[in-house]
Amino acid sequence: GGSLSLACTASGFTGSTKSMAWFRQRPG
């Protein structure tokens, strides 16, 4: 019932990204 915020910081790229995404893996 609570809220959660995640962040992802990218570095070291030469040029821009096209797409970025979040994936998750639940146990099993």
PDB file of all heavy atoms in Angstrom:
ATOM      1  N   GLY A   1       0.787  -1.219   0.000  1.00  0.00           N
ATOM      2  CA  GLY A   1       0.000   0.000   0.000  1.00  0.00           C
ATOM      3  C   GLY A   1       0.817   1.266   0.000  1.00  0.00           C
ATOM      4  O   GLY A   1       0.277   2.354  -0.243  1.00  0.00           O
ATOM      5  N   GLY A   2       2.087   1.155   0.272  1.00  0.00           N
ATOM      6  CA  GLY A   2       2.971   2.297   0.244  1.00  0.00           C
ATOM      7  C   GLY A   2       3.417   2.621  -1.168  1.00  0.00           C
ATOM      8  O   GLY A   2       3.002   1.988  -2.134  1.00  0.00           O
ATOM      9  N   SER A   3       4.272   3.614  -1.284  1.00  0.00           N
ATOM     10  CA  SER A   3       4.814   4.005  -2.572  1.00  0.00           C
ATOM     11  C   SER A   3       6.322   3.809  -2.581  1.00  0.00           C
ATOM     12  O   SER A   3       6.964   3.773  -1.528  1.00  0.00           O
ATOM     13  CB  SER A   3       4.469   5.462  -2.903  1.00  0.00           C
ATOM     14  OG  SER A   3       5.034   6.344  -1.946  1.00  0.00           O
ATOM     15  N   LEU A   4       6.858   3.689  -3.774  1.00  0.00           N
ATOM     16  CA  LEU A   4       8.279   3.413  -3.929  1.00  0.00           C
ATOM     17  C   LEU A   4       8.796   4.112  -5.172  1.00  0.00           C
ATOM     18  O   LEU A   4       8.129   4.110  -6.210  1.00  0.00           O
ATOM     19  CB  LEU A   4       8.509   1.903  -4.050  1.00  0.00           C
ATOM     20  CG  LEU A   4       9.943   1.424  -4.285  1.00  0.00           C
ATOM     21  CD1 LEU A   4      10.774   1.646  -3.034  1.00  0.00           C
ATOM     22  CD2 LEU A   4       9.951  -0.032  -4.686  1.00  0.00           C
ATOM     23  N   SER A   5       9.967   4.706  -5.066  1.00  0.00           N
ATOM     24  CA  SER A   5      10.603   5.355  -6.201  1.00  0.00           C
ATOM     25  C   SER A   5      12.007   4.809  -6.395  1.00  0.00           C
ATOM     26  O   SER A   5      12.791   4.743  -5.450  1.00  0.00           O
ATOM     27  CB  SER A   5      10.668   6.871  -5.990  1.00  0.00           C
ATOM     28  OG  SER A   5       9.377   7.446  -5.972  1.00  0.00           O
ATOM     29  N   LEU A   6      12.305   4.423  -7.615  1.00  0.00           N
ATOM     30  CA  LEU A   6      13.624   3.953  -7.991  1.00  0.00           C
ATOM     31  C   LEU A   6      14.230   4.918  -8.999  1.00  0.00           C
ATOM     32  O   LEU A   6      13.513   5.607  -9.725  1.00  0.00           O
ATOM     33  CB  LEU A   6      13.558   2.556  -8.609  1.00  0.00           C
ATOM     34  CG  LEU A   6      12.881   1.457  -7.798  1.00  0.00           C
ATOM     35  CD1 LEU A   6      12.862   0.164  -8.600  1.00  0.00           C
ATOM     36  CD2 LEU A   6      13.578   1.259  -6.464  1.00  0.00           C
ATOM     37  N   ALA A   7      15.541   4.955  -9.062  1.00  0.00           N
ATOM     38  CA  ALA A   7      16.237   5.790 -10.025  1.00  0.00           C
ATOM     39  C   ALA A   7      17.361   5.006 -10.672  1.00  0.00           C
ATOM     40  O   ALA A   7      17.929   4.086 -10.069  1.00  0.00           O
ATOM     41  CB  ALA A   7      16.795   7.045  -9.360  1.00  0.00           C
ATOM     42  N   CYS A   8      17.671   5.353 -11.892  1.00  0.00           N
ATOM     43  CA  CYS A   8      18.788   4.764 -12.619  1.00  0.00           C
ATOM     44  C   CYS A   8      19.547   5.888 -13.303  1.00  0.00           C
ATOM     45  O   CYS A   8      18.976   6.620 -14.117  1.00  0.00           O
ATOM     46  CB  CYS A   8      18.288   3.754 -13.644  1.00  0.00           C
ATOM     47  SG  CYS A   8      19.567   3.166 -14.782  1.00  0.00           S
ATOM     48  N   THR A   9      20.813   5.999 -12.990  1.00  0.00           N
ATOM     49  CA  THR A   9      21.663   7.016 -13.583  1.00  0.00           C
ATOM     50  C   THR A   9      22.636   6.364 -14.556  1.00  0.00           C
ATOM     51  O   THR A   9      23.351   5.430 -14.191  1.00  0.00           O
ATOM     52  CB  THR A   9      22.433   7.788 -12.513  1.00  0.00           C
ATOM     53  OG1 THR A   9      21.506   8.454 -11.653  1.00  0.00           O
ATOM     54  CG2 THR A   9      23.342   8.826 -13.151  1.00  0.00           C
ATOM     55  N   ALA A  10      22.647   6.860 -15.771  1.00  0.00           N
ATOM     56  CA  ALA A  10      23.518   6.345 -16.813  1.00  0.00           C
ATOM     57  C   ALA A  10      24.698   7.282 -17.015  1.00  0.00           C
ATOM     58  O   ALA A  10      24.562   8.506 -16.968  1.00  0.00           O
ATOM     59  CB  ALA A  10      22.754   6.186 -18.118  1.00  0.00           C
ATOM     60  N   SER A  11      25.849   6.704 -17.264  1.00  0.00           N
ATOM     61  CA  SER A  11      27.043   7.492 -17.530  1.00  0.00           C
ATOM     62  C   SER A  11      27.937   6.753 -18.512  1.00  0.00           C
ATOM     63  O   SER A  11      27.810   5.544 -18.700  1.00  0.00           O
ATOM     64  CB  SER A  11      27.810   7.789 -16.239  1.00  0.00           C
ATOM     65  OG  SER A  11      28.259   6.587 -15.633  1.00  0.00           O
ATOM     66  N   GLY A  12      28.844   7.489 -19.130  1.00  0.00           N
ATOM     67  CA  GLY A  12      29.820   6.891 -20.023  1.00  0.00           C
ATOM     68  C   GLY A  12      29.352   6.671 -21.447  1.00  0.00           C
ATOM     69  O   GLY A  12      30.100   6.105 -22.247  1.00  0.00           O
ATOM     70  N   PHE A  13      28.156   7.103 -21.781  1.00  0.00           N
ATOM     71  CA  PHE A  13      27.664   6.927 -23.141  1.00  0.00           C
ATOM     72  C   PHE A  13      28.333   7.913 -24.093  1.00  0.00           C
ATOM     73  O   PHE A  13      28.550   9.074 -23.756  1.00  0.00           O
ATOM     74  CB  PHE A  13      26.155   7.123 -23.214  1.00  0.00           C
ATOM     75  CG  PHE A  13      25.365   5.957 -22.704  1.00  0.00           C
ATOM     76  CD1 PHE A  13      24.725   6.007 -21.476  1.00  0.00           C
ATOM     77  CD2 PHE A  13      25.243   4.805 -23.467  1.00  0.00           C
ATOM     78  CE1 PHE A  13      23.994   4.943 -21.008  1.00  0.00           C
ATOM     79  CE2 PHE A  13      24.515   3.728 -23.014  1.00  0.00           C
ATOM     80  CZ  PHE A  13      23.888   3.796 -21.777  1.00  0.00           C
ATOM     81  N   THR A  14      28.633   7.415 -25.278  1.00  0.00           N
ATOM     82  CA  THR A  14      29.005   8.272 -26.385  1.00  0.00           C
ATOM     83  C   THR A  14      27.788   8.398 -27.281  1.00  0.00           C
ATOM     84  O   THR A  14      27.389   7.453 -27.945  1.00  0.00           O
ATOM     85  CB  THR A  14      30.188   7.701 -27.171  1.00  0.00           C
ATOM     86  OG1 THR A  14      31.317   7.569 -26.306  1.00  0.00           O
ATOM     87  CG2 THR A  14      30.543   8.623 -28.329  1.00  0.00           C
ATOM     88  N   GLY A  15      27.186   9.554 -27.273  1.00  0.00           N
ATOM     89  CA  GLY A  15      25.930   9.727 -27.962  1.00  0.00           C
ATOM     90  C   GLY A  15      24.762   9.410 -27.038  1.00  0.00           C
ATOM     91  O   GLY A  15      24.940   9.019 -25.880  1.00  0.00           O
ATOM     92  N   SER A  16      23.569   9.566 -27.550  1.00  0.00           N
ATOM     93  CA  SER A  16      22.372   9.401 -26.752  1.00  0.00           C
ATOM     94  C   SER A  16      21.837   7.979 -26.814  1.00  0.00           C
ATOM     95  O   SER A  16      22.131   7.216 -27.732  1.00  0.00           O
ATOM     96  CB  SER A  16      21.297  10.383 -27.224  1.00  0.00           C
ATOM     97  OG  SER A  16      20.946  10.135 -28.573  1.00  0.00           O
ATOM     98  N   THR A  17      21.031   7.642 -25.817  1.00  0.00           N
ATOM     99  CA  THR A  17      20.329   6.377 -25.842  1.00  0.00           C
ATOM    100  C   THR A  17      19.088   6.498 -26.721  1.00  0.00           C
ATOM    101  O   THR A  17      18.598   7.598 -26.997  1.00  0.00           O
ATOM    102  CB  THR A  17      19.919   5.942 -24.435  1.00  0.00           C
ATOM    103  OG1 THR A  17      19.053   6.936 -23.862  1.00  0.00           O
ATOM    104  CG2 THR A  17      21.149   5.793 -23.539  1.00  0.00           C
ATOM    105  N   LYS A  18      18.568   5.355 -27.146  1.00  0.00           N
ATOM    106  CA  LYS A  18      17.324   5.326 -27.906  1.00  0.00           C
ATOM    107  C   LYS A  18      16.138   5.032 -26.995  1.00  0.00           C
ATOM    108  O   LYS A  18      15.113   5.702 -27.074  1.00  0.00           O
ATOM    109  CB  LYS A  18      17.408   4.282 -29.017  1.00  0.00           C
ATOM    110  CG  LYS A  18      18.468   4.570 -30.069  1.00  0.00           C
ATOM    111  CD  LYS A  18      18.136   5.803 -30.880  1.00  0.00           C
ATOM    112  CE  LYS A  18      19.139   5.988 -32.008  1.00  0.00           C
ATOM    113  NZ  LYS A  18      18.830   7.180 -32.828  1.00  0.00           N
ATOM    114  N   SER A  19      16.274   4.008 -26.180  1.00  0.00           N
ATOM    115  CA  SER A  19      15.260   3.652 -25.205  1.00  0.00           C
ATOM    116  C   SER A  19      15.923   3.194 -23.919  1.00  0.00           C
ATOM    117  O   SER A  19      17.029   2.646 -23.949  1.00  0.00           O
ATOM    118  CB  SER A  19      14.348   2.530 -25.717  1.00  0.00           C
ATOM    119  OG  SER A  19      13.554   2.949 -26.804  1.00  0.00           O
ATOM    120  N   MET A  20      15.250   3.421 -22.823  1.00  0.00           N
ATOM    121  CA  MET A  20      15.673   2.896 -21.536  1.00  0.00           C
ATOM    122  C   MET A  20      14.482   2.216 -20.885  1.00  0.00           C
ATOM    123  O   MET A  20      13.327   2.541 -21.186  1.00  0.00           O
ATOM    124  CB  MET A  20      16.235   3.993 -20.633  1.00  0.00           C
ATOM    125  CG  MET A  20      17.505   4.628 -21.183  1.00  0.00           C
ATOM    126  SD  MET A  20      18.267   5.830 -20.055  1.00  0.00           S
ATOM    127  CE  MET A  20      18.834   4.740 -18.739  1.00  0.00           C
ATOM    128  N   ALA A  21      14.765   1.280 -19.985  1.00  0.00           N
ATOM    129  CA  ALA A  21      13.690   0.463 -19.450  1.00  0.00           C
ATOM    130  C   ALA A  21      14.003  -0.033 -18.047  1.00  0.00           C
ATOM    131  O   ALA A  21      15.154  -0.041 -17.603  1.00  0.00           O
ATOM    132  CB  ALA A  21      13.427  -0.745 -20.362  1.00  0.00           C
ATOM    133  N   TRP A  22      12.947  -0.437 -17.376  1.00  0.00           N
ATOM    134  CA  TRP A  22      13.036  -1.161 -16.116  1.00  0.00           C
ATOM    135  C   TRP A  22      12.529  -2.583 -16.317  1.00  0.00           C
ATOM    136  O   TRP A  22      11.451  -2.792 -16.876  1.00  0.00           O
ATOM    137  CB  TRP A  22      12.191  -0.492 -15.028  1.00  0.00           C
ATOM    138  CG  TRP A  22      12.743   0.800 -14.518  1.00  0.00           C
ATOM    139  CD1 TRP A  22      12.388   2.056 -14.894  1.00  0.00           C
ATOM    140  CD2 TRP A  22      13.758   0.951 -13.518  1.00  0.00           C
ATOM    141  NE1 TRP A  22      13.111   2.992 -14.198  1.00  0.00           N
ATOM    142  CE2 TRP A  22      13.956   2.341 -13.344  1.00  0.00           C
ATOM    143  CE3 TRP A  22      14.506   0.054 -12.750  1.00  0.00           C
ATOM    144  CZ2 TRP A  22      14.885   2.846 -12.433  1.00  0.00           C
ATOM    145  CZ3 TRP A  22      15.432   0.558 -11.853  1.00  0.00           C
ATOM    146  CH2 TRP A  22      15.604   1.936 -11.706  1.00  0.00           C
ATOM    147  N   PHE A  23      13.315  -3.534 -15.886  1.00  0.00           N
ATOM    148  CA  PHE A  23      12.908  -4.925 -15.801  1.00  0.00           C
ATOM    149  C   PHE A  23      12.928  -5.350 -14.341  1.00  0.00           C
ATOM    150  O   PHE A  23      13.591  -4.730 -13.508  1.00  0.00           O
ATOM    151  CB  PHE A  23      13.843  -5.826 -16.613  1.00  0.00           C
ATOM    152  CG  PHE A  23      13.630  -5.768 -18.101  1.00  0.00           C
ATOM    153  CD1 PHE A  23      13.998  -4.656 -18.830  1.00  0.00           C
ATOM    154  CD2 PHE A  23      13.061  -6.843 -18.772  1.00  0.00           C
ATOM    155  CE1 PHE A  23      13.804  -4.603 -20.204  1.00  0.00           C
ATOM    156  CE2 PHE A  23      12.866  -6.810 -20.142  1.00  0.00           C
ATOM    157  CZ  PHE A  23      13.236  -5.687 -20.852  1.00  0.00           C
ATOM    158  N   ARG A  24      12.218  -6.409 -14.037  1.00  0.00           N
ATOM    159  CA  ARG A  24      12.280  -6.956 -12.691  1.00  0.00           C
ATOM    160  C   ARG A  24      12.231  -8.479 -12.749  1.00  0.00           C
ATOM    161  O   ARG A  24      11.715  -9.067 -13.700  1.00  0.00           O
ATOM    162  CB  ARG A  24      11.157  -6.432 -11.799  1.00  0.00           C
ATOM    163  CG  ARG A  24       9.768  -6.965 -12.137  1.00  0.00           C
ATOM    164  CD  ARG A  24       8.731  -6.322 -11.222  1.00  0.00           C
ATOM    165  NE  ARG A  24       7.387  -6.813 -11.483  1.00  0.00           N
ATOM    166  CZ  ARG A  24       6.287  -6.331 -10.921  1.00  0.00           C
ATOM    167  NH1 ARG A  24       6.385  -5.315 -10.044  1.00  0.00           N
ATOM    168  NH2 ARG A  24       5.102  -6.843 -11.216  1.00  0.00           N
ATOM    169  N   GLN A  25      12.790  -9.089 -11.737  1.00  0.00           N
ATOM    170  CA  GLN A  25      12.788 -10.538 -11.635  1.00  0.00           C
ATOM    171  C   GLN A  25      12.340 -10.927 -10.235  1.00  0.00           C
ATOM    172  O   GLN A  25      13.025 -10.650  -9.250  1.00  0.00           O
ATOM    173  CB  GLN A  25      14.172 -11.115 -11.936  1.00  0.00           C
ATOM    174  CG  GLN A  25      14.187 -12.625 -12.048  1.00  0.00           C
ATOM    175  CD  GLN A  25      15.449 -13.129 -12.709  1.00  0.00           C
ATOM    176  OE1 GLN A  25      16.444 -12.417 -12.812  1.00  0.00           O
ATOM    177  NE2 GLN A  25      15.413 -14.368 -13.171  1.00  0.00           N
ATOM    178  N   ARG A  26      11.179 -11.549 -10.150  1.00  0.00           N
ATOM    179  CA  ARG A  26      10.646 -12.031  -8.892  1.00  0.00           C
ATOM    180  C   ARG A  26      11.237 -13.404  -8.593  1.00  0.00           C
ATOM    181  O   ARG A  26      11.650 -14.117  -9.514  1.00  0.00           O
ATOM    182  CB  ARG A  26       9.123 -12.102  -8.963  1.00  0.00           C
ATOM    183  CG  ARG A  26       8.466 -10.741  -9.185  1.00  0.00           C
ATOM    184  CD  ARG A  26       7.063 -10.871  -9.731  1.00  0.00           C
ATOM    185  NE  ARG A  26       6.193 -11.617  -8.831  1.00  0.00           N
ATOM    186  CZ  ARG A  26       4.947 -11.969  -9.129  1.00  0.00           C
ATOM    187  NH1 ARG A  26       4.427 -11.645 -10.303  1.00  0.00           N
ATOM    188  NH2 ARG A  26       4.229 -12.648  -8.243  1.00  0.00           N
ATOM    189  N   PRO A  27      11.292 -13.780  -7.327  1.00  0.00           N
ATOM    190  CA  PRO A  27      11.871 -15.079  -6.978  1.00  0.00           C
ATOM    191  C   PRO A  27      11.202 -16.222  -7.730  1.00  0.00           C
ATOM    192  O   PRO A  27       9.975 -16.351  -7.724  1.00  0.00           O
ATOM    193  CB  PRO A  27      11.613 -15.181  -5.474  1.00  0.00           C
ATOM    194  CG  PRO A  27      11.545 -13.762  -5.011  1.00  0.00           C
ATOM    195  CD  PRO A  27      10.880 -13.017  -6.138  1.00  0.00           C
ATOM    196  N   GLY A  28      12.006 -17.029  -8.388  1.00  0.00           N
ATOM    197  CA  GLY A  28      11.502 -18.175  -9.116  1.00  0.00           C
ATOM    198  C   GLY A  28      10.844 -17.856 -10.441  1.00  0.00           C
ATOM    199  O   GLY A  28      10.299 -18.757 -11.082  1.00  0.00           O
TER     200      GLY A  28
END
